Amino acid sequence: MPTDSPILAATIDEFQKIKKLADKAIEQLSDEQLRVAIDPDANSAAVIMRHMAGNMRSRWVDFMTSDGEKPSRMRDQEFEDPAQTRAELMAEWEHGWQCVFTALTPLTDADLQRTVIIRGEPHSVYKAMSRQVTHYAGHAYQILFLAKHLLGPGWKTLSIPRGQSEEFNRRMLAKLRTGH
């Protein structure tokens, strides 16, 4: 998604990183594990995914011209256990992310100070994007935590493994020096 705007490029990059992190955690979970909540008041990964997708549709469809909290959104239903197959859940998840990237792609620096409305409250486009980066990152880390908890020793780390920071730093420095 090329853009000449450093702010928009950074925002899109952050959204892509958030999605990738959540996707890699989700991939490690079985269909059953997607629906496990760690206590009666907690959300499963599937519920969090469904909530995020609902938020993305509401916030990003007609982003510049309608309130980001659409009258058609049924937020409370997003927190009910979805009676969906994994494929249906993933399709809803992917559609939500597509709404984000479709809304962001045509924006320019000139759009960043324009005003959008979320739940009747005015926000600059920049503020609205920042708000959603924070929201989605929080939920992505909830999914990651659940996956790590449920998989225990079977969890495949998504960051630098424990005890390997120095080796990782050496490899990164070597890459910078050689350009590879």
N, C-alpha and C. Protein backbone atom coordinates (compact mmCIF):
# COMPACT_ATOMS: atom_id res chain seq x y z
N MET A 1 0.83 -1.17 0.00
CA MET A 1 0.00 0.00 0.00
C MET A 1 0.88 1.24 0.00
N PRO A 2 1.36 1.63 -1.15
CA PRO A 2 2.27 2.76 -1.22
C PRO A 2 1.58 4.08 -0.89
N THR A 3 2.28 4.92 -0.17
CA THR A 3 1.80 6.26 0.13
C THR A 3 3.03 7.16 0.26
N ASP A 4 2.87 8.41 -0.09
CA ASP A 4 3.96 9.36 0.05
C ASP A 4 4.01 9.95 1.46
N SER A 5 3.00 9.66 2.24
CA SER A 5 2.91 10.22 3.58
C SER A 5 3.62 9.34 4.60
N PRO A 6 4.62 9.89 5.29
CA PRO A 6 5.29 9.07 6.32
C PRO A 6 4.35 8.68 7.46
N ILE A 7 3.41 9.55 7.81
CA ILE A 7 2.47 9.25 8.89
C ILE A 7 1.53 8.13 8.47
N LEU A 8 0.98 8.23 7.29
CA LEU A 8 0.08 7.18 6.81
C LEU A 8 0.83 5.87 6.60
N ALA A 9 2.03 5.95 6.07
CA ALA A 9 2.83 4.73 5.86
C ALA A 9 3.12 4.06 7.20
N ALA A 10 3.46 4.85 8.22
CA ALA A 10 3.75 4.29 9.54
C ALA A 10 2.49 3.69 10.15
N THR A 11 1.36 4.34 9.99
CA THR A 11 0.10 3.83 10.54
C THR A 11 -0.29 2.52 9.87
N ILE A 12 -0.22 2.48 8.55
CA ILE A 12 -0.53 1.24 7.82
C ILE A 12 0.43 0.13 8.25
N ASP A 13 1.70 0.47 8.39
CA ASP A 13 2.69 -0.52 8.83
C ASP A 13 2.34 -1.06 10.22
N GLU A 14 1.93 -0.19 11.12
CA GLU A 14 1.56 -0.64 12.47
C GLU A 14 0.34 -1.55 12.42
N PHE A 15 -0.66 -1.20 11.63
CA PHE A 15 -1.83 -2.07 11.49
C PHE A 15 -1.42 -3.43 10.92
N GLN A 16 -0.54 -3.42 9.93
CA GLN A 16 -0.08 -4.69 9.35
C GLN A 16 0.65 -5.54 10.40
N LYS A 17 1.48 -4.92 11.23
CA LYS A 17 2.20 -5.64 12.28
C LYS A 17 1.23 -6.22 13.31
N ILE A 18 0.23 -5.44 13.68
CA ILE A 18 -0.77 -5.91 14.64
C ILE A 18 -1.50 -7.13 14.08
N LYS A 19 -1.91 -7.04 12.83
CA LYS A 19 -2.61 -8.16 12.19
C LYS A 19 -1.72 -9.38 12.11
N LYS A 20 -0.49 -9.19 11.71
CA LYS A 20 0.45 -10.32 11.58
C LYS A 20 0.66 -11.00 12.93
N LEU A 21 0.83 -10.23 13.99
CA LEU A 21 1.01 -10.77 15.33
C LEU A 21 -0.20 -11.62 15.72
N ALA A 22 -1.38 -11.06 15.57
CA ALA A 22 -2.59 -11.81 15.92
C ALA A 22 -2.75 -13.04 15.04
N ASP A 23 -2.51 -12.89 13.73
CA ASP A 23 -2.63 -14.02 12.82
C ASP A 23 -1.71 -15.17 13.22
N LYS A 24 -0.48 -14.87 13.60
CA LYS A 24 0.47 -15.92 13.97
C LYS A 24 0.07 -16.61 15.27
N ALA A 25 -0.55 -15.88 16.17
CA ALA A 25 -1.05 -16.50 17.40
C ALA A 25 -2.27 -17.37 17.09
N ILE A 26 -3.18 -16.85 16.28
CA ILE A 26 -4.40 -17.57 15.91
C ILE A 26 -4.06 -18.88 15.19
N GLU A 27 -3.08 -18.83 14.30
CA GLU A 27 -2.67 -20.02 13.54
C GLU A 27 -2.27 -21.17 14.45
N GLN A 28 -1.73 -20.85 15.61
CA GLN A 28 -1.25 -21.89 16.52
C GLN A 28 -2.38 -22.55 17.31
N LEU A 29 -3.56 -21.94 17.33
CA LEU A 29 -4.67 -22.46 18.11
C LEU A 29 -5.50 -23.45 17.31
N SER A 30 -5.96 -24.50 17.98
CA SER A 30 -6.90 -25.43 17.35
C SER A 30 -8.27 -24.75 17.30
N ASP A 31 -9.20 -25.35 16.58
CA ASP A 31 -10.56 -24.82 16.51
C ASP A 31 -11.17 -24.72 17.92
N GLU A 32 -10.94 -25.74 18.73
CA GLU A 32 -11.48 -25.75 20.09
C GLU A 32 -10.82 -24.67 20.95
N GLN A 33 -9.51 -24.52 20.82
CA GLN A 33 -8.80 -23.52 21.62
C GLN A 33 -9.24 -22.10 21.28
N LEU A 34 -9.66 -21.86 20.06
CA LEU A 34 -10.15 -20.53 19.68
C LEU A 34 -11.32 -20.10 20.56
N ARG A 35 -12.06 -21.06 21.09
CA ARG A 35 -13.28 -20.77 21.83
C ARG A 35 -13.12 -20.88 23.35
N VAL A 36 -11.90 -21.11 23.82
CA VAL A 36 -11.67 -21.25 25.26
C VAL A 36 -11.50 -19.87 25.89
N ALA A 37 -12.27 -19.64 26.96
CA ALA A 37 -12.10 -18.45 27.78
C ALA A 37 -11.48 -18.90 29.10
N ILE A 38 -10.55 -18.12 29.64
CA ILE A 38 -9.83 -18.56 30.83
C ILE A 38 -10.64 -18.41 32.12
N ASP A 39 -11.75 -17.69 32.07
CA ASP A 39 -12.68 -17.63 33.20
C ASP A 39 -14.03 -17.18 32.65
N PRO A 40 -15.08 -17.28 33.45
CA PRO A 40 -16.43 -16.99 32.94
C PRO A 40 -16.62 -15.56 32.42
N ASP A 41 -15.83 -14.61 32.92
CA ASP A 41 -15.97 -13.22 32.48
C ASP A 41 -14.98 -12.84 31.39
N ALA A 42 -14.15 -13.78 30.97
CA ALA A 42 -13.13 -13.49 29.96
C ALA A 42 -13.67 -13.80 28.57
N ASN A 43 -13.00 -13.25 27.57
CA ASN A 43 -13.35 -13.51 26.18
C ASN A 43 -12.39 -14.53 25.58
N SER A 44 -12.90 -15.36 24.72
CA SER A 44 -12.06 -16.29 23.96
C SER A 44 -11.41 -15.52 22.81
N ALA A 45 -10.43 -16.13 22.19
CA ALA A 45 -9.81 -15.52 21.01
C ALA A 45 -10.86 -15.30 19.93
N ALA A 46 -11.78 -16.25 19.76
CA ALA A 46 -12.82 -16.10 18.74
C ALA A 46 -13.70 -14.89 19.02
N VAL A 47 -14.06 -14.68 20.27
CA VAL A 47 -14.89 -13.53 20.63
C VAL A 47 -14.12 -12.23 20.39
N ILE A 48 -12.86 -12.20 20.76
CA ILE A 48 -12.05 -11.00 20.53
C ILE A 48 -11.94 -10.72 19.03
N MET A 49 -11.72 -11.76 18.24
CA MET A 49 -11.63 -11.59 16.79
C MET A 49 -12.94 -11.02 16.24
N ARG A 50 -14.04 -11.56 16.72
CA ARG A 50 -15.35 -11.11 16.24
C ARG A 50 -15.60 -9.66 16.63
N HIS A 51 -15.24 -9.31 17.86
CA HIS A 51 -15.38 -7.93 18.33
C HIS A 51 -14.52 -6.99 17.47
N MET A 52 -13.29 -7.38 17.23
CA MET A 52 -12.41 -6.53 16.41
C MET A 52 -12.98 -6.36 15.01
N ALA A 53 -13.44 -7.44 14.41
CA ALA A 53 -14.00 -7.36 13.06
C ALA A 53 -15.22 -6.43 13.04
N GLY A 54 -16.07 -6.54 14.05
CA GLY A 54 -17.25 -5.66 14.12
C GLY A 54 -16.85 -4.21 14.27
N ASN A 55 -15.85 -3.97 15.10
CA ASN A 55 -15.35 -2.61 15.29
C ASN A 55 -14.76 -2.08 13.98
N MET A 56 -14.00 -2.92 13.29
CA MET A 56 -13.37 -2.49 12.04
C MET A 56 -14.41 -2.12 10.98
N ARG A 57 -15.43 -2.95 10.85
CA ARG A 57 -16.50 -2.63 9.88
C ARG A 57 -17.16 -1.31 10.25
N SER A 58 -17.46 -1.15 11.53
CA SER A 58 -18.16 0.06 11.97
C SER A 58 -17.29 1.31 11.81
N ARG A 59 -16.05 1.22 12.21
CA ARG A 59 -15.18 2.39 12.18
C ARG A 59 -14.72 2.78 10.77
N TRP A 60 -14.46 1.81 9.92
CA TRP A 60 -13.75 2.10 8.68
C TRP A 60 -14.60 2.13 7.42
N VAL A 61 -15.79 1.53 7.43
CA VAL A 61 -16.67 1.63 6.25
C VAL A 61 -17.25 3.04 6.26
N ASP A 62 -17.16 3.72 5.13
CA ASP A 62 -17.61 5.13 5.02
C ASP A 62 -16.96 5.99 6.11
N PHE A 63 -15.70 5.72 6.35
CA PHE A 63 -14.90 6.33 7.41
C PHE A 63 -15.01 7.85 7.44
N MET A 64 -14.93 8.47 6.27
CA MET A 64 -14.87 9.94 6.22
C MET A 64 -16.25 10.59 6.21
N THR A 65 -17.30 9.81 6.01
CA THR A 65 -18.61 10.42 5.78
C THR A 65 -19.70 10.00 6.75
N SER A 66 -19.45 9.03 7.62
CA SER A 66 -20.49 8.63 8.57
C SER A 66 -19.87 8.35 9.94
N ASP A 67 -20.68 8.39 10.95
CA ASP A 67 -20.21 8.12 12.31
C ASP A 67 -19.58 6.74 12.36
N GLY A 68 -18.46 6.63 13.04
CA GLY A 68 -17.74 5.37 13.16
C GLY A 68 -18.45 4.33 14.01
N GLU A 69 -19.50 4.71 14.68
CA GLU A 69 -20.32 3.74 15.40
C GLU A 69 -21.64 3.65 14.63
N LYS A 70 -21.69 2.69 13.70
CA LYS A 70 -22.83 2.56 12.80
C LYS A 70 -24.06 2.07 13.57
N PRO A 71 -25.25 2.57 13.19
CA PRO A 71 -26.48 2.11 13.83
C PRO A 71 -26.70 0.60 13.65
N SER A 72 -26.14 0.04 12.60
CA SER A 72 -26.33 -1.39 12.33
C SER A 72 -25.41 -2.28 13.17
N ARG A 73 -24.44 -1.69 13.84
CA ARG A 73 -23.51 -2.49 14.65
C ARG A 73 -24.22 -3.01 15.89
N MET A 74 -24.04 -4.27 16.15
CA MET A 74 -24.61 -4.90 17.35
C MET A 74 -23.44 -5.30 18.25
N ARG A 75 -22.82 -4.32 18.89
CA ARG A 75 -21.60 -4.53 19.66
C ARG A 75 -21.76 -5.60 20.73
N ASP A 76 -22.85 -5.58 21.47
CA ASP A 76 -23.02 -6.57 22.53
C ASP A 76 -23.02 -8.00 21.99
N GLN A 77 -23.54 -8.20 20.80
CA GLN A 77 -23.55 -9.54 20.20
C GLN A 77 -22.14 -10.01 19.82
N GLU A 78 -21.24 -9.07 19.62
CA GLU A 78 -19.85 -9.44 19.30
C GLU A 78 -19.21 -10.21 20.45
N PHE A 79 -19.73 -10.05 21.66
CA PHE A 79 -19.14 -10.68 22.83
C PHE A 79 -19.82 -12.00 23.20
N GLU A 80 -20.71 -12.46 22.34
CA GLU A 80 -21.31 -13.78 22.52
C GLU A 80 -20.47 -14.78 21.76
N ASP A 81 -20.42 -16.01 22.27
CA ASP A 81 -19.63 -17.04 21.59
C ASP A 81 -20.17 -17.23 20.18
N PRO A 82 -19.33 -17.01 19.18
CA PRO A 82 -19.81 -17.12 17.81
C PRO A 82 -20.03 -18.58 17.40
N ALA A 83 -21.20 -18.86 16.89
CA ALA A 83 -21.49 -20.20 16.38
C ALA A 83 -21.05 -20.25 14.92
N GLN A 84 -19.75 -20.13 14.73
CA GLN A 84 -19.18 -20.08 13.39
C GLN A 84 -18.12 -21.16 13.27
N THR A 85 -17.91 -21.60 12.05
CA THR A 85 -16.77 -22.46 11.80
C THR A 85 -15.52 -21.59 11.82
N ARG A 86 -14.38 -22.23 11.89
CA ARG A 86 -13.13 -21.48 11.83
C ARG A 86 -13.06 -20.69 10.53
N ALA A 87 -13.45 -21.30 9.43
CA ALA A 87 -13.40 -20.62 8.13
C ALA A 87 -14.30 -19.39 8.12
N GLU A 88 -15.47 -19.48 8.72
CA GLU A 88 -16.38 -18.33 8.78
C GLU A 88 -15.81 -17.23 9.66
N LEU A 89 -15.25 -17.62 10.79
CA LEU A 89 -14.62 -16.66 11.69
C LEU A 89 -13.45 -15.96 11.00
N MET A 90 -12.63 -16.73 10.32
CA MET A 90 -11.47 -16.15 9.63
C MET A 90 -11.93 -15.22 8.50
N ALA A 91 -13.00 -15.58 7.81
CA ALA A 91 -13.51 -14.71 6.74
C ALA A 91 -14.00 -13.38 7.32
N GLU A 92 -14.67 -13.43 8.47
CA GLU A 92 -15.13 -12.20 9.14
C GLU A 92 -13.93 -11.36 9.57
N TRP A 93 -12.92 -12.02 10.14
CA TRP A 93 -11.68 -11.37 10.58
C TRP A 93 -10.99 -10.69 9.39
N GLU A 94 -10.80 -11.41 8.32
CA GLU A 94 -10.13 -10.85 7.13
C GLU A 94 -10.93 -9.70 6.54
N HIS A 95 -12.24 -9.83 6.51
CA HIS A 95 -13.07 -8.74 5.99
C HIS A 95 -12.90 -7.47 6.84
N GLY A 96 -12.85 -7.63 8.16
CA GLY A 96 -12.64 -6.47 9.03
C GLY A 96 -11.34 -5.76 8.70
N TRP A 97 -10.27 -6.54 8.55
CA TRP A 97 -8.97 -5.94 8.23
C TRP A 97 -9.00 -5.30 6.84
N GLN A 98 -9.71 -5.92 5.91
CA GLN A 98 -9.81 -5.32 4.57
C GLN A 98 -10.48 -3.95 4.65
N CYS A 99 -11.46 -3.81 5.53
CA CYS A 99 -12.12 -2.50 5.72
C CYS A 99 -11.11 -1.45 6.17
N VAL A 100 -10.22 -1.84 7.08
CA VAL A 100 -9.19 -0.91 7.58
C VAL A 100 -8.30 -0.45 6.42
N PHE A 101 -7.74 -1.40 5.71
CA PHE A 101 -6.77 -1.05 4.66
C PHE A 101 -7.42 -0.35 3.47
N THR A 102 -8.66 -0.69 3.17
CA THR A 102 -9.38 -0.02 2.09
C THR A 102 -9.63 1.45 2.44
N ALA A 103 -9.92 1.72 3.71
CA ALA A 103 -10.17 3.10 4.14
C ALA A 103 -8.89 3.92 4.17
N LEU A 104 -7.78 3.30 4.57
CA LEU A 104 -6.53 4.04 4.72
C LEU A 104 -5.80 4.31 3.42
N THR A 105 -5.90 3.39 2.49
CA THR A 105 -5.12 3.46 1.25
C THR A 105 -5.27 4.77 0.48
N PRO A 106 -6.48 5.29 0.29
CA PRO A 106 -6.59 6.51 -0.51
C PRO A 106 -6.29 7.81 0.23
N LEU A 107 -6.05 7.75 1.53
CA LEU A 107 -5.83 8.97 2.30
C LEU A 107 -4.52 9.65 1.93
N THR A 108 -4.49 10.97 2.14
CA THR A 108 -3.29 11.77 1.92
C THR A 108 -3.02 12.57 3.20
N ASP A 109 -1.87 13.21 3.24
CA ASP A 109 -1.55 14.07 4.39
C ASP A 109 -2.64 15.11 4.63
N ALA A 110 -3.22 15.62 3.56
CA ALA A 110 -4.27 16.64 3.69
C ALA A 110 -5.47 16.10 4.47
N ASP A 111 -5.70 14.79 4.41
CA ASP A 111 -6.85 14.20 5.11
C ASP A 111 -6.62 14.09 6.62
N LEU A 112 -5.39 14.12 7.07
CA LEU A 112 -5.09 13.82 8.47
C LEU A 112 -5.73 14.79 9.45
N GLN A 113 -5.94 16.03 9.04
CA GLN A 113 -6.56 17.02 9.93
C GLN A 113 -8.07 17.15 9.70
N ARG A 114 -8.59 16.43 8.73
CA ARG A 114 -10.04 16.44 8.54
C ARG A 114 -10.71 15.82 9.75
N THR A 115 -11.96 16.11 9.93
CA THR A 115 -12.70 15.63 11.09
C THR A 115 -13.59 14.45 10.71
N VAL A 116 -13.52 13.41 11.54
CA VAL A 116 -14.43 12.28 11.44
C VAL A 116 -15.14 12.17 12.79
N ILE A 117 -16.24 11.46 12.79
CA ILE A 117 -17.05 11.33 14.00
C ILE A 117 -17.05 9.88 14.46
N ILE A 118 -16.84 9.67 15.76
CA ILE A 118 -16.95 8.35 16.37
C ILE A 118 -17.84 8.50 17.60
N ARG A 119 -18.98 7.84 17.58
CA ARG A 119 -19.98 7.93 18.65
C ARG A 119 -20.36 9.38 18.95
N GLY A 120 -20.51 10.16 17.87
CA GLY A 120 -20.91 11.55 18.00
C GLY A 120 -19.79 12.50 18.37
N GLU A 121 -18.61 11.98 18.65
CA GLU A 121 -17.48 12.81 19.08
C GLU A 121 -16.55 13.08 17.90
N PRO A 122 -16.21 14.36 17.66
CA PRO A 122 -15.30 14.67 16.55
C PRO A 122 -13.85 14.29 16.88
N HIS A 123 -13.18 13.74 15.88
CA HIS A 123 -11.75 13.39 15.97
C HIS A 123 -11.09 13.81 14.67
N SER A 124 -9.83 14.22 14.75
CA SER A 124 -9.08 14.36 13.50
C SER A 124 -8.89 12.95 12.95
N VAL A 125 -8.68 12.83 11.66
CA VAL A 125 -8.41 11.52 11.07
C VAL A 125 -7.19 10.91 11.76
N TYR A 126 -6.17 11.74 12.01
CA TYR A 126 -4.97 11.25 12.68
C TYR A 126 -5.31 10.66 14.05
N LYS A 127 -6.13 11.36 14.83
CA LYS A 127 -6.52 10.89 16.16
C LYS A 127 -7.34 9.60 16.05
N ALA A 128 -8.23 9.52 15.09
CA ALA A 128 -9.04 8.31 14.91
C ALA A 128 -8.16 7.11 14.56
N MET A 129 -7.17 7.32 13.71
CA MET A 129 -6.26 6.23 13.35
C MET A 129 -5.47 5.79 14.57
N SER A 130 -4.95 6.75 15.32
CA SER A 130 -4.15 6.46 16.52
C SER A 130 -4.99 5.69 17.54
N ARG A 131 -6.22 6.11 17.71
CA ARG A 131 -7.14 5.45 18.64
C ARG A 131 -7.32 3.98 18.26
N GLN A 132 -7.46 3.70 16.98
CA GLN A 132 -7.70 2.33 16.54
C GLN A 132 -6.43 1.48 16.59
N VAL A 133 -5.28 2.07 16.32
CA VAL A 133 -4.02 1.33 16.47
C VAL A 133 -3.91 0.82 17.91
N THR A 134 -4.17 1.68 18.87
CA THR A 134 -4.09 1.31 20.27
C THR A 134 -5.11 0.23 20.62
N HIS A 135 -6.34 0.41 20.17
CA HIS A 135 -7.41 -0.55 20.44
C HIS A 135 -7.06 -1.93 19.88
N TYR A 136 -6.67 -1.98 18.62
CA TYR A 136 -6.40 -3.27 17.98
C TYR A 136 -5.15 -3.94 18.55
N ALA A 137 -4.13 -3.14 18.90
CA ALA A 137 -2.94 -3.72 19.50
C ALA A 137 -3.28 -4.37 20.85
N GLY A 138 -4.10 -3.70 21.64
CA GLY A 138 -4.49 -4.27 22.92
C GLY A 138 -5.17 -5.62 22.75
N HIS A 139 -6.09 -5.70 21.82
CA HIS A 139 -6.79 -6.97 21.58
C HIS A 139 -5.87 -8.02 20.96
N ALA A 140 -4.98 -7.61 20.09
CA ALA A 140 -4.03 -8.58 19.49
C ALA A 140 -3.19 -9.22 20.59
N TYR A 141 -2.76 -8.43 21.57
CA TYR A 141 -1.98 -8.98 22.67
C TYR A 141 -2.83 -9.85 23.59
N GLN A 142 -4.13 -9.58 23.69
CA GLN A 142 -5.00 -10.49 24.43
C GLN A 142 -5.04 -11.85 23.73
N ILE A 143 -5.17 -11.83 22.41
CA ILE A 143 -5.18 -13.08 21.65
C ILE A 143 -3.86 -13.81 21.83
N LEU A 144 -2.75 -13.09 21.75
CA LEU A 144 -1.44 -13.69 21.93
C LEU A 144 -1.32 -14.31 23.33
N PHE A 145 -1.74 -13.59 24.34
CA PHE A 145 -1.68 -14.11 25.71
C PHE A 145 -2.49 -15.40 25.84
N LEU A 146 -3.71 -15.39 25.31
CA LEU A 146 -4.55 -16.58 25.37
C LEU A 146 -3.87 -17.76 24.67
N ALA A 147 -3.35 -17.51 23.47
CA ALA A 147 -2.71 -18.59 22.72
C ALA A 147 -1.51 -19.13 23.49
N LYS A 148 -0.70 -18.25 24.01
CA LYS A 148 0.49 -18.69 24.77
C LYS A 148 0.07 -19.48 26.00
N HIS A 149 -0.94 -19.03 26.69
CA HIS A 149 -1.45 -19.72 27.88
C HIS A 149 -2.00 -21.10 27.51
N LEU A 150 -2.81 -21.16 26.48
CA LEU A 150 -3.47 -22.41 26.11
C LEU A 150 -2.49 -23.44 25.54
N LEU A 151 -1.48 -22.97 24.86
CA LEU A 151 -0.53 -23.88 24.22
C LEU A 151 0.60 -24.31 25.15
N GLY A 152 0.84 -23.54 26.19
CA GLY A 152 1.89 -23.89 27.14
C GLY A 152 3.21 -24.14 26.44
N PRO A 153 3.85 -25.28 26.72
CA PRO A 153 5.15 -25.55 26.11
C PRO A 153 5.09 -25.73 24.59
N GLY A 154 3.89 -25.90 24.04
CA GLY A 154 3.74 -26.03 22.59
C GLY A 154 3.73 -24.69 21.85
N TRP A 155 3.74 -23.59 22.61
CA TRP A 155 3.73 -22.25 22.02
C TRP A 155 5.02 -22.00 21.25
N LYS A 156 4.88 -21.48 20.04
CA LYS A 156 6.04 -21.07 19.24
C LYS A 156 6.13 -19.55 19.34
N THR A 157 7.19 -19.08 19.97
CA THR A 157 7.32 -17.65 20.25
C THR A 157 7.26 -16.82 18.97
N LEU A 158 6.72 -15.63 19.11
CA LEU A 158 6.60 -14.70 17.98
C LEU A 158 7.61 -13.57 18.08
N SER A 159 8.47 -13.66 19.07
CA SER A 159 9.51 -12.65 19.23
C SER A 159 10.83 -13.36 19.48
N ILE A 160 11.78 -12.65 20.00
CA ILE A 160 13.10 -13.21 20.27
C ILE A 160 12.96 -14.21 21.42
N PRO A 161 13.35 -15.46 21.22
CA PRO A 161 13.25 -16.45 22.30
C PRO A 161 14.12 -16.05 23.49
N ARG A 162 13.70 -16.47 24.66
CA ARG A 162 14.46 -16.19 25.89
C ARG A 162 15.89 -16.69 25.73
N GLY A 163 16.81 -15.87 26.23
CA GLY A 163 18.21 -16.25 26.21
C GLY A 163 18.88 -16.06 24.86
N GLN A 164 18.18 -15.51 23.88
CA GLN A 164 18.77 -15.37 22.55
C GLN A 164 18.85 -13.91 22.09
N SER A 165 18.70 -12.98 23.00
CA SER A 165 18.72 -11.55 22.64
C SER A 165 20.06 -11.12 22.07
N GLU A 166 21.14 -11.53 22.71
CA GLU A 166 22.47 -11.12 22.23
C GLU A 166 22.74 -11.67 20.84
N GLU A 167 22.40 -12.93 20.61
CA GLU A 167 22.60 -13.53 19.29
C GLU A 167 21.74 -12.81 18.24
N PHE A 168 20.52 -12.50 18.59
CA PHE A 168 19.65 -11.77 17.67
C PHE A 168 20.26 -10.42 17.33
N ASN A 169 20.72 -9.69 18.33
CA ASN A 169 21.33 -8.38 18.09
C ASN A 169 22.56 -8.49 17.20
N ARG A 170 23.39 -9.53 17.40
CA ARG A 170 24.56 -9.74 16.54
C ARG A 170 24.14 -9.96 15.10
N ARG A 171 23.11 -10.79 14.90
CA ARG A 171 22.63 -11.05 13.52
C ARG A 171 22.09 -9.77 12.88
N MET A 172 21.37 -8.97 13.64
CA MET A 172 20.82 -7.72 13.10
C MET A 172 21.93 -6.76 12.71
N LEU A 173 22.95 -6.62 13.55
CA LEU A 173 24.07 -5.75 13.24
C LEU A 173 24.82 -6.25 12.01
N ALA A 174 25.00 -7.56 11.91
CA ALA A 174 25.67 -8.13 10.73
C ALA A 174 24.88 -7.84 9.47
N LYS A 175 23.57 -7.91 9.55
CA LYS A 175 22.72 -7.60 8.39
C LYS A 175 22.90 -6.16 7.96
N LEU A 176 22.93 -5.26 8.94
CA LEU A 176 23.09 -3.84 8.64
C LEU A 176 24.44 -3.57 7.97
N ARG A 177 25.45 -4.23 8.45
CA ARG A 177 26.81 -4.02 7.90
C ARG A 177 26.93 -4.54 6.49
N THR A 178 26.30 -5.67 6.21
CA THR A 178 26.43 -6.28 4.88
C THR A 178 25.31 -5.85 3.93
N GLY A 179 24.28 -5.25 4.46
CA GLY A 179 23.16 -4.83 3.61
C GLY A 179 22.21 -5.98 3.26
N HIS A 180 22.32 -7.09 3.96
CA HIS A 180 21.45 -8.23 3.68
C HIS A 180 20.57 -8.51 4.87
